[in-house]
Structure formats: structure tokens, C-alpha cells
C-alpha atoms as a PDB file:
ATOM      1  CA  MET A   1      -7.515 -13.732  19.936  1.00  0.00           C
ATOM      2  CA  ASP A   2      -7.597 -12.240  16.584  1.00  0.00           C
ATOM      3  CA  ASP A   3      -9.227  -8.778  16.145  1.00  0.00           C
ATOM      4  CA  PRO A   4     -12.455  -9.024  13.996  1.00  0.00           C
ATOM      5  CA  ARG A   5     -12.080  -7.525  10.566  1.00  0.00           C
ATOM      6  CA  ILE A   6     -14.061  -4.201  10.023  1.00  0.00           C
ATOM      7  CA  LYS A   7     -15.501  -3.859   6.640  1.00  0.00           C
ATOM      8  CA  THR A   8     -13.435  -1.474   4.599  1.00  0.00           C
ATOM      9  CA  GLU A   9     -16.382   0.692   3.727  1.00  0.00           C
ATOM     10  CA  VAL A  10     -17.074   1.415   7.478  1.00  0.00           C
ATOM     11  CA  MET A  11     -13.605   2.182   8.113  1.00  0.00           C
ATOM     12  CA  VAL A  12     -13.476   4.598   5.462  1.00  0.00           C
ATOM     13  CA  HIS A  13     -16.792   6.393   6.790  1.00  0.00           C
ATOM     14  CA  ALA A  14     -15.181   6.384  10.251  1.00  0.00           C
ATOM     15  CA  LEU A  15     -11.977   8.033   8.954  1.00  0.00           C
ATOM     16  CA  ILE A  16     -14.092  10.867   7.182  1.00  0.00           C
ATOM     17  CA  ARG A  17     -15.974  11.533  10.312  1.00  0.00           C
ATOM     18  CA  THR A  18     -12.736  11.720  12.364  1.00  0.00           C
ATOM     19  CA  CYS A  19     -11.417  14.231   9.920  1.00  0.00           C
ATOM     20  CA  GLY A  20     -14.667  16.131  10.418  1.00  0.00           C
ATOM     21  CA  THR A  21     -14.001  16.401  13.798  1.00  0.00           C
ATOM     22  CA  GLN A  22     -10.559  17.512  13.346  1.00  0.00           C
ATOM     23  CA  LEU A  23     -11.990  20.233  11.146  1.00  0.00           C
ATOM     24  CA  LEU A  24     -10.109  18.319   7.852  1.00  0.00           C
ATOM     25  CA  THR A  25     -11.536  17.675   4.683  1.00  0.00           C
ATOM     26  CA  ALA A  26     -11.664  13.951   3.656  1.00  0.00           C
ATOM     27  CA  THR A  27     -12.996  12.640   0.414  1.00  0.00           C
ATOM     28  CA  VAL A  28     -12.936   9.149  -1.344  1.00  0.00           C
ATOM     29  CA  TYR A  29     -10.528   9.473  -4.267  1.00  0.00           C
ATOM     30  CA  ALA A  30     -11.376   5.698  -5.320  1.00  0.00           C
ATOM     31  CA  ARG A  31     -13.695   3.183  -4.025  1.00  0.00           C
ATOM     32  CA  GLY A  32     -12.913  -0.618  -3.824  1.00  0.00           C
ATOM     33  CA  ASP A  33     -14.482  -3.577  -2.272  1.00  0.00           C
ATOM     34  CA  ALA A  34     -16.816  -2.642   0.385  1.00  0.00           C
ATOM     35  CA  GLU A  35     -16.073  -5.700   2.586  1.00  0.00           C
ATOM     36  CA  ARG A  36     -12.214  -6.770   1.988  1.00  0.00           C
ATOM     37  CA  GLY A  37     -10.656  -4.056   0.042  1.00  0.00           C
ATOM     38  CA  GLY A  38      -7.363  -2.432   1.318  1.00  0.00           C
ATOM     39  CA  LEU A  39      -7.398   1.058   2.389  1.00  0.00           C
ATOM     40  CA  MET A  40      -4.883   3.676   1.429  1.00  0.00           C
ATOM     41  CA  VAL A  41      -4.737   7.305   2.666  1.00  0.00           C
ATOM     42  CA  ARG A  42      -3.337  10.189   0.518  1.00  0.00           C
ATOM     43  CA  LEU A  43      -2.395  12.722   3.017  1.00  0.00           C
ATOM     44  CA  ILE A  44      -2.118  15.982   1.181  1.00  0.00           C
ATOM     45  CA  ARG A  45      -0.659  19.086   2.717  1.00  0.00           C
ATOM     46  CA  ASN A  46       0.005  20.916  -0.307  1.00  0.00           C
ATOM     47  CA  ALA A  47       0.461  20.332  -4.074  1.00  0.00           C
ATOM     48  CA  ASP A  48       3.872  19.379  -3.688  1.00  0.00           C
ATOM     49  CA  ASP A  49       3.790  17.525  -0.259  1.00  0.00           C
ATOM     50  CA  VAL A  50       1.636  14.382  -0.587  1.00  0.00           C
ATOM     51  CA  GLU A  51       2.335  11.081   1.423  1.00  0.00           C
ATOM     52  CA  HIS A  52       0.738   7.689   1.064  1.00  0.00           C
ATOM     53  CA  PHE A  53      -0.246   5.358   3.974  1.00  0.00           C
ATOM     54  CA  GLU A  54      -1.588   2.027   3.744  1.00  0.00           C
ATOM     55  CA  GLN A  55      -3.436   0.128   6.379  1.00  0.00           C
ATOM     56  CA  GLY A  56      -2.045  -3.178   7.542  1.00  0.00           C
ATOM     57  CA  ARG A  57      -0.887  -5.209  10.429  1.00  0.00           C
ATOM     58  CA  GLY A  58       2.244  -4.730  12.479  1.00  0.00           C
ATOM     59  CA  HIS A  59       4.495  -7.640  13.580  1.00  0.00           C
ATOM     60  CA  ASP A  60       2.321  -8.097  16.794  1.00  0.00           C
ATOM     61  CA  GLY A  61      -0.946  -8.364  14.524  1.00  0.00           C
ATOM     62  CA  GLY A  62      -2.194  -5.152  15.586  1.00  0.00           C
ATOM     63  CA  ARG A  63      -3.293  -2.489  13.249  1.00  0.00           C
ATOM     64  CA  VAL A  64      -0.900   0.029  11.647  1.00  0.00           C
ATOM     65  CA  TRP A  65      -0.423   2.672   9.094  1.00  0.00           C
ATOM     66  CA  HIS A  66       2.468   1.918   6.806  1.00  0.00           C
ATOM     67  CA  ARG A  67       4.026   5.104   5.341  1.00  0.00           C
ATOM     68  CA  HIS A  68       5.330   4.603   1.772  1.00  0.00           C
ATOM     69  CA  GLY A  69       8.910   5.572   1.649  1.00  0.00           C
ATOM     70  CA  GLY A  70      10.575   7.787  -0.714  1.00  0.00           C
ATOM     71  CA  GLY A  71       9.486  11.130   0.889  1.00  0.00           C
ATOM     72  CA  PRO A  72       6.764  13.473  -0.034  1.00  0.00           C
ATOM     73  CA  LEU A  73       5.264  13.494  -3.650  1.00  0.00           C
ATOM     74  CA  SER A  74       3.572  16.066  -5.862  1.00  0.00           C
ATOM     75  CA  GLU A  75      -0.066  15.692  -6.541  1.00  0.00           C
ATOM     76  CA  ARG A  76       0.838  14.692 -10.176  1.00  0.00           C
ATOM     77  CA  ALA A  77       3.394  11.914  -9.005  1.00  0.00           C
ATOM     78  CA  SER A  78       0.889  10.654  -6.456  1.00  0.00           C
ATOM     79  CA  ALA A  79      -1.909  10.259  -8.912  1.00  0.00           C
ATOM     80  CA  GLU A  80       0.365   8.523 -11.362  1.00  0.00           C
ATOM     81  CA  LYS A  81       1.326   6.041  -8.475  1.00  0.00           C
ATOM     82  CA  LEU A  82      -2.254   5.581  -7.434  1.00  0.00           C
ATOM     83  CA  THR A  83      -3.470   4.935 -11.045  1.00  0.00           C
ATOM     84  CA  LYS A  84      -0.836   2.101 -11.425  1.00  0.00           C
ATOM     85  CA  ARG A  85      -1.485   0.564  -8.040  1.00  0.00           C
ATOM     86  CA  ARG A  86      -5.555   0.442  -8.748  1.00  0.00           C
ATOM     87  CA  THR A  87      -4.525  -1.087 -11.858  1.00  0.00           C
ATOM     88  CA  LEU A  88      -3.000  -3.992 -10.015  1.00  0.00           C
ATOM     89  CA  ASP A  89      -5.638  -3.866  -7.169  1.00  0.00           C
ATOM     90  CA  PRO A  90      -8.939  -2.592  -8.273  1.00  0.00           C
ATOM     91  CA  ASP A  91     -10.326  -3.607  -4.698  1.00  0.00           C
ATOM     92  CA  LEU A  92      -8.171  -0.922  -3.004  1.00  0.00           C
ATOM     93  CA  TRP A  93      -9.847   2.238  -1.446  1.00  0.00           C
ATOM     94  CA  ILE A  94      -8.122   5.595  -1.409  1.00  0.00           C
ATOM     95  CA  LEU A  95      -9.129   8.268   0.687  1.00  0.00           C
ATOM     96  CA  ASP A  96      -7.562  11.953   0.285  1.00  0.00           C
ATOM     97  CA  ILE A  97      -7.145  13.863   3.404  1.00  0.00           C
ATOM     98  CA  GLU A  98      -6.386  17.505   3.184  1.00  0.00           C
ATOM     99  CA  ASP A  99      -4.144  18.418   6.118  1.00  0.00           C
ATOM    100  CA  PRO A 100      -2.272  21.725   5.451  1.00  0.00           C
ATOM    101  CA  TRP A 101      -1.371  22.100   9.105  1.00  0.00           C
ATOM    102  CA  GLY A 102      -0.361  18.652   9.863  1.00  0.00           C
ATOM    103  CA  ASP A 103      -3.214  18.283  12.504  1.00  0.00           C
ATOM    104  CA  PHE A 104      -4.434  14.837  11.443  1.00  0.00           C
ATOM    105  CA  THR A 105      -4.163  12.192  14.187  1.00  0.00           C
ATOM    106  CA  TRP A 106      -3.940   8.573  13.224  1.00  0.00           C
ATOM    107  CA  ASP A 107      -5.917   5.920  14.839  1.00  0.00           C
ATOM    108  CA  ALA A 108      -2.946   3.351  14.849  1.00  0.00           C
ATOM    109  CA  PRO A 109       0.709   3.587  15.042  1.00  0.00           C
ATOM    110  CA  VAL A 110       2.542   4.662  11.788  1.00  0.00           C
ATOM    111  CA  VAL A 111       5.512   2.671  10.504  1.00  0.00           C
ATOM    112  CA  GLU A 112       7.992   2.772   7.663  1.00  0.00           C
ATOM    113  CA  LEU A 113       7.013   0.261   4.818  1.00  0.00           C
END
């Protein structure tokens, strides 16, 4: 049986609340379509250590977070990539999570993209 799709806006608010319980700061970097937009997280450890994760489905159909390869980016390189990405997909939500100590706990498995 398929997992019912949760509206993206609800997922974003849930992640923000999760970050609050972990004493981390989360802010909406870009707002997309409230119901069907994709969701990307910018995990920011410091100005030269930013990683991108995108919510998706694994081979078994379950939710996963796809880690975009290539290693950590600078804040500037990250912003440039996301500007290009939003040009192609204006429905995409982007959530910034500031995690200087690496404490964030993902709600689904992380896989390499």
C-alpha cells in the first residue's frame, strides 16, 4: 500500500519543529508549492561546510533523504547552485538547518545521490 503524500508545507513545519526540539535553528530559504513542491535541506555546519539533501523515495518506495555528492560546499557555492535549481524548479522548498555540531537527526535514511 502506498504511503499517503504529506503536503510539503506540513513537512517543512514538522522539520522546523524537530530542529527546535534539537536546539537547532531552521529557516525557510525558499518557499515552493505548498502541496506538491519538492523539499531540499541545506545543512549548514559553517560557512565552508554546507551540504544539500533532497527528500525522495528509495528503491523500496520508502522515504529517504538523497545527499547530493561532491562534498561540502561554501555558502556562496551553495547559494549559486540553489539559485540555478530554483530557476528550473520554482515549486521547490529549501530549508536551512544550522547544525554546527552535527547533531541533526534525520527522520528517514540518508542515501548518496
